[in-house]
Amino acid sequence: MRCIIVDASATGARVRLSHQHPAQLPDYVVIGFEADRVEIDAAIVWTSRDEMGVQFVSGFRKSPMAA
């Protein structure tokens, strides 16, 4: 699912979803940063109709999709 990072800190982020989220979201997601070719694991801590708040639960690592 594509999304936009609206606000971020060292510990988490507010993420705007590209469309209304499904009724059931997983507890954890992997957020990829295409421009930097990195990703990070995150726990979803809150949701609204088109946004979610996440807490980072790992360090950044090189994305396996990075060429």
PDB file of N, CA and C in Angstrom:
ATOM      1  N   MET A   1       0.848  -1.160   0.000  1.00  0.00           N
ATOM      2  CA  MET A   1       0.000   0.000   0.000  1.00  0.00           C
ATOM      3  C   MET A   1       0.901   1.233   0.000  1.00  0.00           C
ATOM      4  N   ARG A   2       0.679   2.130  -0.903  1.00  0.00           N
ATOM      5  CA  ARG A   2       1.470   3.355  -0.980  1.00  0.00           C
ATOM      6  C   ARG A   2       0.961   4.332   0.078  1.00  0.00           C
ATOM      7  N   CYS A   3       1.887   5.129   0.602  1.00  0.00           N
ATOM      8  CA  CYS A   3       1.525   6.093   1.634  1.00  0.00           C
ATOM      9  C   CYS A   3       2.497   7.266   1.593  1.00  0.00           C
ATOM     10  N   ILE A   4       2.164   8.302   2.352  1.00  0.00           N
ATOM     11  CA  ILE A   4       2.999   9.493   2.465  1.00  0.00           C
ATOM     12  C   ILE A   4       3.306   9.705   3.939  1.00  0.00           C
ATOM     13  N   ILE A   5       4.574   9.902   4.256  1.00  0.00           N
ATOM     14  CA  ILE A   5       4.958  10.241   5.631  1.00  0.00           C
ATOM     15  C   ILE A   5       4.637  11.714   5.831  1.00  0.00           C
ATOM     16  N   VAL A   6       3.696  12.006   6.717  1.00  0.00           N
ATOM     17  CA  VAL A   6       3.250  13.374   6.959  1.00  0.00           C
ATOM     18  C   VAL A   6       4.148  14.050   7.988  1.00  0.00           C
ATOM     19  N   ASP A   7       4.523  13.301   9.008  1.00  0.00           N
ATOM     20  CA  ASP A   7       5.337  13.827  10.092  1.00  0.00           C
ATOM     21  C   ASP A   7       6.141  12.662  10.651  1.00  0.00           C
ATOM     22  N   ALA A   8       7.408  12.896  10.953  1.00  0.00           N
ATOM     23  CA  ALA A   8       8.233  11.803  11.475  1.00  0.00           C
ATOM     24  C   ALA A   8       9.171  12.326  12.551  1.00  0.00           C
ATOM     25  N   SER A   9       9.523  11.420  13.449  1.00  0.00           N
ATOM     26  CA  SER A   9      10.512  11.713  14.479  1.00  0.00           C
ATOM     27  C   SER A   9      11.458  10.526  14.542  1.00  0.00           C
ATOM     28  N   ALA A  10      12.352  10.534  15.492  1.00  0.00           N
ATOM     29  CA  ALA A  10      13.286   9.419  15.644  1.00  0.00           C
ATOM     30  C   ALA A  10      12.579   8.140  16.088  1.00  0.00           C
ATOM     31  N   THR A  11      11.378   8.274  16.664  1.00  0.00           N
ATOM     32  CA  THR A  11      10.704   7.104  17.234  1.00  0.00           C
ATOM     33  C   THR A  11       9.455   6.647  16.482  1.00  0.00           C
ATOM     34  N   GLY A  12       8.958   7.446  15.541  1.00  0.00           N
ATOM     35  CA  GLY A  12       7.744   7.059  14.843  1.00  0.00           C
ATOM     36  C   GLY A  12       7.334   8.050  13.785  1.00  0.00           C
ATOM     37  N   ALA A  13       6.129   7.837  13.248  1.00  0.00           N
ATOM     38  CA  ALA A  13       5.657   8.694  12.156  1.00  0.00           C
ATOM     39  C   ALA A  13       4.139   8.699  12.084  1.00  0.00           C
ATOM     40  N   ARG A  14       3.622   9.769  11.479  1.00  0.00           N
ATOM     41  CA  ARG A  14       2.210   9.841  11.088  1.00  0.00           C
ATOM     42  C   ARG A  14       2.197   9.623   9.584  1.00  0.00           C
ATOM     43  N   VAL A  15       1.400   8.670   9.149  1.00  0.00           N
ATOM     44  CA  VAL A  15       1.414   8.221   7.762  1.00  0.00           C
ATOM     45  C   VAL A  15       0.040   8.443   7.144  1.00  0.00           C
ATOM     46  N   ARG A  16       0.006   9.119   5.997  1.00  0.00           N
ATOM     47  CA  ARG A  16      -1.258   9.292   5.267  1.00  0.00           C
ATOM     48  C   ARG A  16      -1.347   8.173   4.231  1.00  0.00           C
ATOM     49  N   LEU A  17      -2.434   7.438   4.281  1.00  0.00           N
ATOM     50  CA  LEU A  17      -2.630   6.314   3.372  1.00  0.00           C
ATOM     51  C   LEU A  17      -3.140   6.808   2.023  1.00  0.00           C
ATOM     52  N   SER A  18      -2.820   6.079   0.968  1.00  0.00           N
ATOM     53  CA  SER A  18      -3.220   6.492  -0.374  1.00  0.00           C
ATOM     54  C   SER A  18      -4.728   6.349  -0.593  1.00  0.00           C
ATOM     55  N   HIS A  19      -5.370   5.549   0.236  1.00  0.00           N
ATOM     56  CA  HIS A  19      -6.824   5.385   0.199  1.00  0.00           C
ATOM     57  C   HIS A  19      -7.269   4.937   1.583  1.00  0.00           C
ATOM     58  N   GLN A  20      -8.558   4.905   1.799  1.00  0.00           N
ATOM     59  CA  GLN A  20      -9.068   4.499   3.111  1.00  0.00           C
ATOM     60  C   GLN A  20      -8.549   3.102   3.439  1.00  0.00           C
ATOM     61  N   HIS A  21      -8.050   2.946   4.658  1.00  0.00           N
ATOM     62  CA  HIS A  21      -7.450   1.665   5.030  1.00  0.00           C
ATOM     63  C   HIS A  21      -8.508   0.582   5.181  1.00  0.00           C
ATOM     64  N   PRO A  22      -8.103  -0.661   4.969  1.00  0.00           N
ATOM     65  CA  PRO A  22      -9.043  -1.766   5.175  1.00  0.00           C
ATOM     66  C   PRO A  22      -9.441  -1.870   6.642  1.00  0.00           C
ATOM     67  N   ALA A  23     -10.525  -2.551   6.900  1.00  0.00           N
ATOM     68  CA  ALA A  23     -11.024  -2.671   8.272  1.00  0.00           C
ATOM     69  C   ALA A  23     -10.000  -3.317   9.193  1.00  0.00           C
ATOM     70  N   GLN A  24      -9.248  -4.258   8.687  1.00  0.00           N
ATOM     71  CA  GLN A  24      -8.247  -4.944   9.495  1.00  0.00           C
ATOM     72  C   GLN A  24      -6.849  -4.618   8.981  1.00  0.00           C
ATOM     73  N   LEU A  25      -6.072  -3.990   9.804  1.00  0.00           N
ATOM     74  CA  LEU A  25      -4.666  -3.744   9.496  1.00  0.00           C
ATOM     75  C   LEU A  25      -3.832  -4.664  10.377  1.00  0.00           C
ATOM     76  N   PRO A  26      -2.643  -5.038   9.927  1.00  0.00           N
ATOM     77  CA  PRO A  26      -1.790  -5.864  10.781  1.00  0.00           C
ATOM     78  C   PRO A  26      -1.281  -5.042  11.960  1.00  0.00           C
ATOM     79  N   ASP A  27      -0.753  -5.703  12.965  1.00  0.00           N
ATOM     80  CA  ASP A  27      -0.175  -4.990  14.108  1.00  0.00           C
ATOM     81  C   ASP A  27       1.144  -4.324  13.745  1.00  0.00           C
ATOM     82  N   TYR A  28       1.864  -4.931  12.809  1.00  0.00           N
ATOM     83  CA  TYR A  28       3.179  -4.431  12.395  1.00  0.00           C
ATOM     84  C   TYR A  28       3.236  -4.282  10.884  1.00  0.00           C
ATOM     85  N   VAL A  29       3.978  -3.289  10.416  1.00  0.00           N
ATOM     86  CA  VAL A  29       4.175  -3.065   8.983  1.00  0.00           C
ATOM     87  C   VAL A  29       5.652  -2.771   8.733  1.00  0.00           C
ATOM     88  N   VAL A  30       6.058  -2.911   7.491  1.00  0.00           N
ATOM     89  CA  VAL A  30       7.389  -2.493   7.060  1.00  0.00           C
ATOM     90  C   VAL A  30       7.191  -1.260   6.199  1.00  0.00           C
ATOM     91  N   ILE A  31       7.825  -0.159   6.582  1.00  0.00           N
ATOM     92  CA  ILE A  31       7.718   1.082   5.832  1.00  0.00           C
ATOM     93  C   ILE A  31       8.990   1.248   5.018  1.00  0.00           C
ATOM     94  N   GLY A  32       8.831   1.365   3.715  1.00  0.00           N
ATOM     95  CA  GLY A  32       9.969   1.550   2.825  1.00  0.00           C
ATOM     96  C   GLY A  32      10.081   3.001   2.388  1.00  0.00           C
ATOM     97  N   PHE A  33      11.287   3.497   2.358  1.00  0.00           N
ATOM     98  CA  PHE A  33      11.576   4.851   1.897  1.00  0.00           C
ATOM     99  C   PHE A  33      12.290   4.712   0.554  1.00  0.00           C
ATOM    100  N   GLU A  34      11.523   4.855  -0.539  1.00  0.00           N
ATOM    101  CA  GLU A  34      12.047   4.596  -1.871  1.00  0.00           C
ATOM    102  C   GLU A  34      13.267   5.448  -2.207  1.00  0.00           C
ATOM    103  N   ALA A  35      13.215   6.731  -1.911  1.00  0.00           N
ATOM    104  CA  ALA A  35      14.314   7.630  -2.285  1.00  0.00           C
ATOM    105  C   ALA A  35      15.626   7.236  -1.607  1.00  0.00           C
ATOM    106  N   ASP A  36      15.532   6.768  -0.368  1.00  0.00           N
ATOM    107  CA  ASP A  36      16.738   6.396   0.384  1.00  0.00           C
ATOM    108  C   ASP A  36      17.068   4.913   0.264  1.00  0.00           C
ATOM    109  N   ARG A  37      16.152   4.144  -0.315  1.00  0.00           N
ATOM    110  CA  ARG A  37      16.318   2.692  -0.490  1.00  0.00           C
ATOM    111  C   ARG A  37      16.555   1.975   0.836  1.00  0.00           C
ATOM    112  N   VAL A  38      15.791   2.391   1.845  1.00  0.00           N
ATOM    113  CA  VAL A  38      15.856   1.747   3.154  1.00  0.00           C
ATOM    114  C   VAL A  38      14.441   1.434   3.615  1.00  0.00           C
ATOM    115  N   GLU A  39      14.352   0.600   4.648  1.00  0.00           N
ATOM    116  CA  GLU A  39      13.064   0.272   5.244  1.00  0.00           C
ATOM    117  C   GLU A  39      13.227   0.110   6.743  1.00  0.00           C
ATOM    118  N   ILE A  40      12.084   0.140   7.444  1.00  0.00           N
ATOM    119  CA  ILE A  40      12.087   0.020   8.900  1.00  0.00           C
ATOM    120  C   ILE A  40      10.800  -0.678   9.336  1.00  0.00           C
ATOM    121  N   ASP A  41      10.887  -1.497  10.376  1.00  0.00           N
ATOM    122  CA  ASP A  41       9.702  -2.150  10.933  1.00  0.00           C
ATOM    123  C   ASP A  41       9.000  -1.169  11.865  1.00  0.00           C
ATOM    124  N   ALA A  42       7.667  -1.219  11.867  1.00  0.00           N
ATOM    125  CA  ALA A  42       6.903  -0.294  12.694  1.00  0.00           C
ATOM    126  C   ALA A  42       5.647  -0.970  13.231  1.00  0.00           C
ATOM    127  N   ALA A  43       5.281  -0.602  14.445  1.00  0.00           N
ATOM    128  CA  ALA A  43       4.033  -1.058  15.059  1.00  0.00           C
ATOM    129  C   ALA A  43       2.975   0.017  14.847  1.00  0.00           C
ATOM    130  N   ILE A  44       1.795  -0.389  14.417  1.00  0.00           N
ATOM    131  CA  ILE A  44       0.693   0.565  14.265  1.00  0.00           C
ATOM    132  C   ILE A  44       0.124   0.839  15.646  1.00  0.00           C
ATOM    133  N   VAL A  45       0.111   2.116  16.048  1.00  0.00           N
ATOM    134  CA  VAL A  45      -0.371   2.468  17.388  1.00  0.00           C
ATOM    135  C   VAL A  45      -1.717   3.190  17.367  1.00  0.00           C
ATOM    136  N   TRP A  46      -2.099   3.774  16.240  1.00  0.00           N
ATOM    137  CA  TRP A  46      -3.428   4.353  16.102  1.00  0.00           C
ATOM    138  C   TRP A  46      -3.793   4.449  14.626  1.00  0.00           C
ATOM    139  N   THR A  47      -5.080   4.515  14.337  1.00  0.00           N
ATOM    140  CA  THR A  47      -5.553   4.683  12.968  1.00  0.00           C
ATOM    141  C   THR A  47      -6.728   5.651  12.944  1.00  0.00           C
ATOM    142  N   SER A  48      -6.885   6.310  11.812  1.00  0.00           N
ATOM    143  CA  SER A  48      -8.084   7.091  11.519  1.00  0.00           C
ATOM    144  C   SER A  48      -8.527   6.675  10.125  1.00  0.00           C
ATOM    145  N   ARG A  49      -9.458   7.390   9.550  1.00  0.00           N
ATOM    146  CA  ARG A  49      -9.999   6.983   8.254  1.00  0.00           C
ATOM    147  C   ARG A  49      -8.917   6.872   7.187  1.00  0.00           C
ATOM    148  N   ASP A  50      -7.977   7.834   7.142  1.00  0.00           N
ATOM    149  CA  ASP A  50      -6.980   7.820   6.075  1.00  0.00           C
ATOM    150  C   ASP A  50      -5.541   8.026   6.578  1.00  0.00           C
ATOM    151  N   GLU A  51      -5.337   7.873   7.881  1.00  0.00           N
ATOM    152  CA  GLU A  51      -3.995   8.005   8.442  1.00  0.00           C
ATOM    153  C   GLU A  51      -3.751   6.934   9.498  1.00  0.00           C
ATOM    154  N   MET A  52      -2.479   6.733   9.813  1.00  0.00           N
ATOM    155  CA  MET A  52      -2.127   5.864  10.924  1.00  0.00           C
ATOM    156  C   MET A  52      -0.864   6.390  11.574  1.00  0.00           C
ATOM    157  N   GLY A  53      -0.747   6.110  12.861  1.00  0.00           N
ATOM    158  CA  GLY A  53       0.458   6.455  13.595  1.00  0.00           C
ATOM    159  C   GLY A  53       1.244   5.195  13.851  1.00  0.00           C
ATOM    160  N   VAL A  54       2.560   5.263  13.640  1.00  0.00           N
ATOM    161  CA  VAL A  54       3.399   4.092  13.842  1.00  0.00           C
ATOM    162  C   VAL A  54       4.563   4.435  14.773  1.00  0.00           C
ATOM    163  N   GLN A  55       4.993   3.422  15.489  1.00  0.00           N
ATOM    164  CA  GLN A  55       6.184   3.512  16.331  1.00  0.00           C
ATOM    165  C   GLN A  55       7.234   2.603  15.711  1.00  0.00           C
ATOM    166  N   PHE A  56       8.419   3.153  15.464  1.00  0.00           N
ATOM    167  CA  PHE A  56       9.484   2.350  14.886  1.00  0.00           C
ATOM    168  C   PHE A  56       9.966   1.329  15.911  1.00  0.00           C
ATOM    169  N   VAL A  57      10.129   0.092  15.467  1.00  0.00           N
ATOM    170  CA  VAL A  57      10.525  -0.988  16.377  1.00  0.00           C
ATOM    171  C   VAL A  57      11.820  -1.673  15.931  1.00  0.00           C
ATOM    172  N   SER A  58      12.477  -1.097  14.945  1.00  0.00           N
ATOM    173  CA  SER A  58      13.767  -1.623  14.488  1.00  0.00           C
ATOM    174  C   SER A  58      14.597  -0.448  13.999  1.00  0.00           C
ATOM    175  N   GLY A  59      15.787  -0.730  13.579  1.00  0.00           N
ATOM    176  CA  GLY A  59      16.607   0.283  12.946  1.00  0.00           C
ATOM    177  C   GLY A  59      16.393   0.238  11.449  1.00  0.00           C
ATOM    178  N   PHE A  60      16.842   1.280  10.769  1.00  0.00           N
ATOM    179  CA  PHE A  60      16.776   1.285   9.309  1.00  0.00           C
ATOM    180  C   PHE A  60      17.723   0.231   8.754  1.00  0.00           C
ATOM    181  N   ARG A  61      17.317  -0.369   7.641  1.00  0.00           N
ATOM    182  CA  ARG A  61      18.168  -1.330   6.954  1.00  0.00           C
ATOM    183  C   ARG A  61      17.985  -1.140   5.448  1.00  0.00           C
ATOM    184  N   LYS A  62      18.950  -1.579   4.677  1.00  0.00           N
ATOM    185  CA  LYS A  62      18.867  -1.484   3.237  1.00  0.00           C
ATOM    186  C   LYS A  62      17.676  -2.308   2.764  1.00  0.00           C
ATOM    187  N   SER A  63      16.888  -1.743   1.887  1.00  0.00           N
ATOM    188  CA  SER A  63      15.720  -2.430   1.357  1.00  0.00           C
ATOM    189  C   SER A  63      16.155  -3.535   0.413  1.00  0.00           C
ATOM    190  N   PRO A  64      15.542  -4.721   0.493  1.00  0.00           N
ATOM    191  CA  PRO A  64      15.882  -5.781  -0.446  1.00  0.00           C
ATOM    192  C   PRO A  64      15.482  -5.417  -1.884  1.00  0.00           C
ATOM    193  N   MET A  65      14.618  -4.428  -2.045  1.00  0.00           N
ATOM    194  CA  MET A  65      14.198  -3.984  -3.374  1.00  0.00           C
ATOM    195  C   MET A  65      15.207  -3.008  -3.975  1.00  0.00           C
ATOM    196  N   ALA A  66      16.152  -2.531  -3.176  1.00  0.00           N
ATOM    197  CA  ALA A  66      17.155  -1.578  -3.673  1.00  0.00           C
ATOM    198  C   ALA A  66      18.070  -2.267  -4.669  1.00  0.00           C
ATOM    199  N   ALA A  67      18.323  -1.596  -5.767  1.00  0.00           N
ATOM    200  CA  ALA A  67      19.195  -2.190  -6.792  1.00  0.00           C
ATOM    201  C   ALA A  67      20.607  -1.662  -6.664  1.00  0.00           C
TER     202      ALA A  67
END
